[in-house]
Amino acid sequence: MDLYKDERIVLTLDAGGTNFVFSAIQKGQAITDPVRKDANADYLDRCINTMKQGFRELLEKLPEPPVAISFAFPGPADYPNGIIGDLNNLPAFRGGVPLKSILEHAFSLPVYINNDGDLYAYGEALGGILPEINQQLEAAGSPKRYHNLVGLTLGTGFGGGLVRNGELFIGDNSTAAEVWLFSNRYNTQVNAEDVVSTRSVQRVYAELAGIHYPNDLMPKDIFDIATNQRTGNREAAVAAYHETGRALGDTIANLLTFVDGIVVIGGGITGAKELYMPAVMEELSSNFFPSNTAELPRLVQRIFNLDHEQDKEGFYKDYSKELPVPGTDQTVTYDPIPRLAIATSRIGASEAIALGAYAFALSKV
């Protein structure tokens, strides 16, 4: 399936707790301006009517009928059956609402609903960082290719998704890659989201700067303080992002021990990558000190940061060599360096989610 040549149109929605953003996609690109509406997250009838109205407004703008509706929701739900349950940021759906069936009845179209972190990863795997990496490897003459991906989103929450060999992996309960519930070795009393999100940056800065929390300072404000664009406690601001990066690195290291794929990071906090990525890379290259040996690398693979020019050059280098087969005149090719890459999204989380929703619908219609 070539997303960028497919003529079929899919209606998509990025459903957040505050705003709904509707789009129509064809050939992997939005063909209308986005339609934005308040989510009305506390009132079920208003919320569902908002969805219907948003999709109707899109339909009026299209040159031809769409083949499906496909969109993202935050948090765990019964996604294969399209039933939305107890979501903290969309309280109107608590108790279970058969949203897929409601919308299919209203529009006479197949409707597909998935977790936003899953669709983010799917979009990056099919039309984002993964094809970009493989194209660069081909251009560099390297035989190495990648097929698996971990997508992570950083913002008010911490989301994730897994793609294996081009297929979205959602698990038996459609709750795979709930990375926000990972534990963290630096703060074992809270889940990963509490130390890898906007509130982590805000809380740590307030604590170290000796000011009240919560307050009006946003992560962008703290970034500006750390980079001398705003007055404040610069040392505390730098430390706040360092702590977030260290915790993020711990989660990524745990993921890579069993996924063994490319990592791509998107979301609002990625604008501060220069502050948190050094701590991430420090964690990924750290060592354990077990009782039976002096030290042990945290990961089998060597991790390259594609946002860093020197790392980027090292990742795309061809390390393979020819090994002779004893007793014959033959050789076999061997790459002695197991390696992975980590990168910030090039297309952005919102576009990747929409692209993932589009691709998922086309794979099912």
Protein backbone atom coordinates (compact mmCIF):
# COMPACT_ATOMS: atom_id res chain seq x y z
CA MET A 1 0.00 0.00 0.00
CA ASP A 2 1.43 3.34 -1.11
CA LEU A 3 -0.22 5.97 1.08
CA TYR A 4 0.85 8.79 -1.20
CA LYS A 5 -0.76 7.37 -4.34
CA ASP A 6 -4.03 6.07 -2.90
CA GLU A 7 -7.00 8.07 -4.26
CA ARG A 8 -9.39 7.08 -1.47
CA ILE A 9 -10.48 9.73 1.03
CA VAL A 10 -10.70 9.12 4.79
CA LEU A 11 -12.17 11.45 7.40
CA THR A 12 -9.97 11.71 10.50
CA LEU A 13 -10.27 13.22 13.94
CA ASP A 14 -7.68 13.98 16.61
CA ALA A 15 -9.86 13.72 19.72
CA GLY A 16 -8.34 15.44 22.73
CA GLY A 17 -9.95 16.24 26.04
CA THR A 18 -10.23 19.94 25.16
CA ASN A 19 -10.45 20.21 21.37
CA PHE A 20 -11.46 18.07 18.41
CA VAL A 21 -9.59 18.58 15.12
CA PHE A 22 -11.22 17.10 12.01
CA SER A 23 -9.44 16.51 8.68
CA ALA A 24 -9.97 14.81 5.34
CA ILE A 25 -6.98 12.96 3.91
CA GLN A 26 -6.23 11.71 0.41
CA LYS A 27 -2.88 10.47 -0.91
CA GLY A 28 -1.45 10.90 2.58
CA GLN A 29 -2.20 14.63 2.64
CA ALA A 30 -4.96 16.78 4.12
CA ILE A 31 -7.22 18.03 1.31
CA THR A 32 -9.28 20.45 3.43
CA ASP A 33 -8.49 22.97 6.11
CA PRO A 34 -8.87 21.44 9.57
CA VAL A 35 -12.17 21.90 11.39
CA ARG A 36 -11.71 22.66 15.09
CA LYS A 37 -14.38 22.38 17.77
CA ASP A 38 -14.64 22.32 21.54
CA ALA A 39 -14.77 18.74 22.78
CA ASN A 40 -17.56 19.26 25.34
CA ALA A 41 -15.86 16.46 27.20
CA ASP A 42 -18.18 16.55 30.22
CA TYR A 43 -21.44 16.16 28.30
CA LEU A 44 -21.97 13.01 26.25
CA ASP A 45 -24.76 14.22 23.95
CA ARG A 46 -22.94 17.46 23.19
CA CYS A 47 -19.67 15.61 22.62
CA ILE A 48 -21.17 13.14 20.15
CA ASN A 49 -23.14 15.87 18.36
CA THR A 50 -19.89 17.85 18.06
CA MET A 51 -18.29 14.85 16.35
CA LYS A 52 -21.20 14.48 13.96
CA GLN A 53 -21.20 18.17 13.12
CA GLY A 54 -17.44 18.19 12.51
CA PHE A 55 -17.62 15.26 10.11
CA ARG A 56 -20.65 16.79 8.34
CA GLU A 57 -18.76 20.02 7.77
CA LEU A 58 -15.91 18.05 6.20
CA LEU A 59 -18.30 16.11 3.94
CA GLU A 60 -19.62 19.36 2.49
CA LYS A 61 -16.09 20.28 1.36
CA LEU A 62 -15.14 17.00 -0.36
CA PRO A 63 -15.03 16.43 -4.13
CA GLU A 64 -16.15 12.81 -3.66
CA PRO A 65 -17.44 10.59 -0.82
CA PRO A 66 -14.96 9.18 1.70
CA VAL A 67 -14.50 5.45 2.22
CA ALA A 68 -14.19 5.52 6.02
CA ILE A 69 -13.89 7.48 9.23
CA SER A 70 -10.77 6.83 11.28
CA PHE A 71 -9.59 8.64 14.37
CA ALA A 72 -7.63 8.69 17.60
CA PHE A 73 -8.69 8.70 21.23
CA PRO A 74 -6.47 9.21 24.29
CA GLY A 75 -6.16 6.36 26.75
CA PRO A 76 -7.18 2.70 26.92
CA ALA A 77 -10.51 1.53 25.46
CA ASP A 78 -12.05 -1.40 23.58
CA TYR A 79 -10.78 -0.08 20.28
CA PRO A 80 -11.48 -3.10 18.01
CA ASN A 81 -15.17 -2.80 18.92
CA GLY A 82 -15.12 0.97 19.07
CA ILE A 83 -16.36 1.19 22.66
CA ILE A 84 -14.98 4.10 24.68
CA GLY A 85 -14.91 3.62 28.43
CA ASP A 86 -13.43 5.34 31.45
CA LEU A 87 -11.08 8.06 30.16
CA ASN A 88 -9.92 10.71 32.61
CA ASN A 89 -9.86 13.54 30.08
CA LEU A 90 -13.19 12.61 28.44
CA PRO A 91 -15.41 11.87 31.46
CA ALA A 92 -18.65 11.84 29.45
CA PHE A 93 -17.78 8.37 28.11
CA ARG A 94 -17.44 6.68 31.49
CA GLY A 95 -19.33 3.44 31.77
CA GLY A 96 -18.90 2.55 28.11
CA VAL A 97 -20.24 4.20 24.95
CA PRO A 98 -20.44 2.29 21.60
CA LEU A 99 -19.07 5.23 19.62
CA LYS A 100 -18.15 3.21 16.53
CA SER A 101 -21.72 1.91 16.16
CA ILE A 102 -23.20 5.37 16.77
CA LEU A 103 -21.12 6.98 14.03
CA GLU A 104 -21.52 4.11 11.56
CA HIS A 105 -25.29 4.43 11.93
CA ALA A 106 -25.09 8.20 11.43
CA PHE A 107 -22.85 8.19 8.35
CA SER A 108 -23.21 4.72 6.78
CA LEU A 109 -19.42 4.44 6.69
CA PRO A 110 -17.00 2.04 8.39
CA VAL A 111 -15.52 3.68 11.49
CA TYR A 112 -12.16 2.81 13.03
CA ILE A 113 -11.01 4.14 16.41
CA ASN A 114 -7.56 3.63 17.90
CA ASN A 115 -5.37 4.93 20.70
CA ASP A 116 -3.58 8.14 19.73
CA GLY A 117 -0.17 6.77 20.72
CA ASP A 118 -0.72 3.70 18.54
CA LEU A 119 -1.72 5.79 15.53
CA TYR A 120 1.24 8.10 16.09
CA ALA A 121 3.61 5.14 15.91
CA TYR A 122 1.80 3.71 12.87
CA GLY A 123 2.04 7.01 11.00
CA GLU A 124 5.75 7.29 11.76
CA ALA A 125 6.34 3.71 10.66
CA LEU A 126 4.56 4.05 7.31
CA GLY A 127 5.13 7.67 6.36
CA GLY A 128 7.55 9.20 8.84
CA ILE A 129 10.89 8.35 10.39
CA LEU A 130 11.07 4.64 9.49
CA PRO A 131 10.90 5.02 5.68
CA GLU A 132 13.21 8.02 5.95
CA ILE A 133 15.83 5.94 7.76
CA ASN A 134 15.61 3.06 5.30
CA GLN A 135 15.87 5.44 2.34
CA GLN A 136 18.98 7.03 3.86
CA LEU A 137 20.54 3.63 4.45
CA GLU A 138 19.87 2.64 0.86
CA ALA A 139 21.37 5.91 -0.39
CA ALA A 140 24.45 5.30 1.77
CA GLY A 141 24.93 1.85 0.26
CA SER A 142 24.24 0.06 3.53
CA PRO A 143 22.40 -3.29 3.42
CA LYS A 144 20.91 -2.61 6.86
CA ARG A 145 17.11 -2.11 7.03
CA TYR A 146 14.69 -1.54 9.92
CA HIS A 147 11.16 -2.93 10.32
CA ASN A 148 10.15 -2.22 13.93
CA LEU A 149 9.39 1.04 15.69
CA VAL A 150 8.53 2.49 19.09
CA GLY A 151 6.64 5.79 18.95
CA LEU A 152 6.54 7.99 22.07
CA THR A 153 4.63 11.23 22.65
CA LEU A 154 5.63 13.76 25.32
CA GLY A 155 3.23 16.42 26.52
CA THR A 156 0.61 16.71 29.23
CA GLY A 157 0.68 12.91 29.13
CA PHE A 158 3.12 10.19 28.05
CA GLY A 159 1.88 7.92 25.26
CA GLY A 160 3.30 5.24 23.05
CA GLY A 161 2.74 2.71 20.31
CA LEU A 162 4.50 -0.29 18.77
CA VAL A 163 4.77 -1.30 15.12
CA ARG A 164 6.22 -4.67 14.14
CA ASN A 165 7.03 -5.47 10.51
CA GLY A 166 4.63 -2.81 9.29
CA GLU A 167 1.73 -3.92 11.48
CA LEU A 168 0.34 -2.08 14.47
CA PHE A 169 0.65 -4.16 17.65
CA ILE A 170 -2.20 -3.39 20.06
CA GLY A 171 -2.27 -6.56 22.20
CA ASP A 172 -5.16 -8.81 23.21
CA ASN A 173 -6.96 -6.06 25.15
CA SER A 174 -5.92 -3.20 22.84
CA THR A 175 -3.73 -1.91 25.68
CA ALA A 176 -0.22 -2.66 24.43
CA ALA A 177 2.40 0.09 24.81
CA GLU A 178 0.76 1.80 27.78
CA VAL A 179 4.15 3.32 28.49
CA TRP A 180 2.75 5.88 30.91
CA LEU A 181 2.38 3.05 33.45
CA PHE A 182 6.03 1.96 33.32
CA SER A 183 7.90 2.14 36.60
CA ASN A 184 11.06 4.21 36.86
CA ARG A 185 14.23 3.38 38.69
CA TYR A 186 14.82 6.99 39.73
CA ASN A 187 11.45 7.41 41.42
CA THR A 188 9.84 4.07 42.20
CA GLN A 189 6.79 5.55 43.92
CA VAL A 190 5.21 7.04 40.78
CA ASN A 191 4.48 5.89 37.24
CA ALA A 192 6.59 6.98 34.27
CA GLU A 193 4.13 9.64 33.11
CA ASP A 194 4.58 11.52 36.37
CA VAL A 195 8.29 11.96 35.61
CA VAL A 196 8.05 12.17 31.78
CA SER A 197 5.48 14.90 31.07
CA THR A 198 4.89 18.62 31.34
CA ARG A 199 4.09 18.34 35.04
CA SER A 200 7.46 16.70 35.67
CA VAL A 201 9.29 19.71 34.24
CA GLN A 202 7.04 22.10 36.14
CA ARG A 203 7.24 20.25 39.46
CA VAL A 204 11.01 19.73 39.47
CA TYR A 205 11.67 23.34 38.51
CA ALA A 206 9.40 24.63 41.29
CA GLU A 207 11.01 22.34 43.84
CA LEU A 208 14.58 23.32 42.95
CA ALA A 209 13.77 27.01 42.50
CA GLY A 210 11.98 27.13 45.84
CA ILE A 211 8.64 28.36 44.47
CA HIS A 212 5.07 27.16 44.86
CA TYR A 213 3.75 24.31 42.70
CA PRO A 214 1.48 24.32 40.77
CA ASN A 215 2.04 27.73 39.22
CA ASP A 216 1.63 29.51 35.88
CA LEU A 217 5.03 28.53 34.46
CA MET A 218 4.75 26.25 31.43
CA PRO A 219 7.55 24.01 30.08
CA LYS A 220 8.22 26.60 27.35
CA ASP A 221 8.78 29.22 30.06
CA ILE A 222 11.18 26.89 31.85
CA PHE A 223 12.97 26.17 28.55
CA ASP A 224 13.37 29.92 28.01
CA ILE A 225 14.84 30.27 31.51
CA ALA A 226 17.26 27.40 30.84
CA THR A 227 18.40 28.98 27.56
CA ASN A 228 18.76 32.51 29.00
CA GLN A 229 15.79 33.90 27.09
CA ARG A 230 13.92 34.71 30.29
CA THR A 231 14.87 35.54 33.84
CA GLY A 232 14.59 32.83 36.48
CA ASN A 233 16.59 30.10 38.14
CA ARG A 234 18.57 28.75 35.20
CA GLU A 235 20.21 25.95 37.18
CA ALA A 236 16.80 24.68 38.30
CA ALA A 237 15.43 24.89 34.75
CA VAL A 238 18.31 22.89 33.29
CA ALA A 239 17.97 20.31 36.07
CA ALA A 240 14.21 19.98 35.47
CA TYR A 241 14.74 18.91 31.86
CA HIS A 242 17.68 16.72 32.82
CA GLU A 243 15.50 14.80 35.28
CA THR A 244 12.82 14.34 32.63
CA GLY A 245 15.42 13.09 30.15
CA ARG A 246 16.90 10.66 32.64
CA ALA A 247 13.47 9.19 33.39
CA LEU A 248 12.60 9.05 29.68
CA GLY A 249 15.88 7.27 28.96
CA ASP A 250 15.05 4.64 31.56
CA THR A 251 11.70 3.90 29.90
CA ILE A 252 13.26 3.79 26.44
CA ALA A 253 16.01 1.42 27.61
CA ASN A 254 13.41 -0.95 29.03
CA LEU A 255 11.40 -0.83 25.80
CA LEU A 256 14.41 -1.51 23.60
CA THR A 257 15.36 -4.64 25.51
CA PHE A 258 12.39 -6.42 23.96
CA VAL A 259 11.24 -4.34 20.97
CA ASP A 260 14.67 -3.83 19.33
CA GLY A 261 13.49 -1.13 16.94
CA ILE A 262 13.77 2.52 15.99
CA VAL A 263 12.53 5.07 18.55
CA VAL A 264 10.79 8.27 17.47
CA ILE A 265 9.65 10.98 19.88
CA GLY A 266 6.93 13.56 19.21
CA GLY A 267 4.73 15.95 21.16
CA GLY A 268 4.94 19.36 22.76
CA ILE A 269 8.07 18.87 24.86
CA THR A 270 10.24 17.91 21.87
CA GLY A 271 11.00 21.57 21.31
CA ALA A 272 13.31 21.26 24.32
CA LYS A 273 15.21 18.24 22.97
CA GLU A 274 18.54 20.01 23.36
CA LEU A 275 17.93 19.99 27.12
CA TYR A 276 16.58 16.49 27.75
CA MET A 277 18.25 14.38 25.03
CA PRO A 278 21.75 14.41 26.57
CA ALA A 279 20.31 12.77 29.70
CA VAL A 280 18.39 10.26 27.54
CA MET A 281 21.56 9.25 25.70
CA GLU A 282 23.52 9.11 28.94
CA GLU A 283 20.99 6.64 30.32
CA LEU A 284 20.97 4.52 27.15
CA SER A 285 24.76 4.20 27.23
CA SER A 286 25.00 3.58 30.98
CA ASN A 287 26.19 0.38 32.67
CA PHE A 288 24.90 -2.06 35.25
CA PHE A 289 27.24 -3.42 37.91
CA PRO A 290 26.03 -6.97 38.63
CA SER A 291 27.61 -9.24 41.22
CA ASN A 292 29.11 -11.66 38.68
CA THR A 293 31.08 -9.14 36.60
CA ALA A 294 32.66 -5.72 36.86
CA GLU A 295 30.14 -3.96 34.64
CA LEU A 296 27.55 -4.69 31.97
CA PRO A 297 26.17 -2.32 29.29
CA ARG A 298 22.54 -1.42 29.89
CA LEU A 299 21.68 -2.35 26.28
CA VAL A 300 23.02 -4.88 23.81
CA GLN A 301 22.51 -2.41 20.96
CA ARG A 302 24.46 0.76 20.37
CA ILE A 303 22.07 3.73 20.19
CA PHE A 304 22.60 6.66 17.82
CA ASN A 305 20.85 10.03 18.17
CA LEU A 306 19.81 11.14 14.68
CA ASP A 307 19.32 14.71 15.91
CA HIS A 308 23.09 14.83 16.48
CA GLU A 309 25.14 15.19 13.30
CA GLN A 310 28.07 13.03 14.39
CA ASP A 311 25.76 10.27 15.61
CA LYS A 312 23.78 10.49 12.39
CA GLU A 313 26.92 9.94 10.32
CA GLY A 314 27.91 7.00 12.49
CA PHE A 315 24.51 5.35 12.25
CA TYR A 316 24.33 5.41 8.47
CA LYS A 317 27.86 4.10 8.03
CA ASP A 318 28.21 0.60 6.59
CA TYR A 319 30.04 -1.52 9.18
CA SER A 320 29.63 -4.84 7.38
CA LYS A 321 32.59 -7.00 6.43
CA GLU A 322 33.15 -10.23 4.55
CA LEU A 323 34.01 -13.38 6.51
CA PRO A 324 35.64 -16.33 4.72
CA VAL A 325 33.91 -19.69 4.92
CA PRO A 326 36.66 -22.19 5.84
CA GLY A 327 37.31 -24.87 3.24
CA THR A 328 35.59 -22.89 0.46
CA ASP A 329 36.23 -19.83 -1.67
CA GLN A 330 33.01 -18.25 -0.41
CA THR A 331 32.40 -15.40 2.03
CA VAL A 332 29.44 -14.26 4.08
CA THR A 333 28.56 -10.69 5.01
CA TYR A 334 28.63 -9.84 8.70
CA ASP A 335 27.63 -6.62 10.46
CA PRO A 336 29.31 -6.74 13.89
CA ILE A 337 27.51 -3.71 15.42
CA PRO A 338 23.88 -4.17 16.51
CA ARG A 339 22.56 -0.63 16.46
CA LEU A 340 19.40 1.39 16.74
CA ALA A 341 18.47 5.02 16.22
CA ILE A 342 16.46 7.48 18.27
CA ALA A 343 15.06 10.63 16.65
CA THR A 344 12.64 13.49 17.10
CA SER A 345 9.67 13.33 14.74
CA ARG A 346 10.23 15.15 11.45
CA ILE A 347 6.53 15.37 10.56
CA GLY A 348 5.14 16.15 14.03
CA ALA A 349 2.81 14.21 16.29
CA SER A 350 -0.49 15.57 14.91
CA GLU A 351 0.41 14.82 11.29
CA ALA A 352 1.71 11.37 12.22
CA ILE A 353 -1.51 10.55 14.10
CA ALA A 354 -3.63 11.65 11.14
CA LEU A 355 -1.45 9.68 8.73
CA GLY A 356 -1.69 6.62 11.00
CA ALA A 357 -5.48 6.92 11.14
CA TYR A 358 -5.60 7.24 7.34
CA ALA A 359 -3.34 4.23 6.80
CA PHE A 360 -5.21 2.09 9.34
CA ALA A 361 -8.54 2.72 7.61
CA LEU A 362 -7.14 1.94 4.16
CA SER A 363 -5.68 -1.32 5.46
CA LYS A 364 -9.13 -2.37 6.71
CA VAL A 365 -11.55 -1.10 4.06
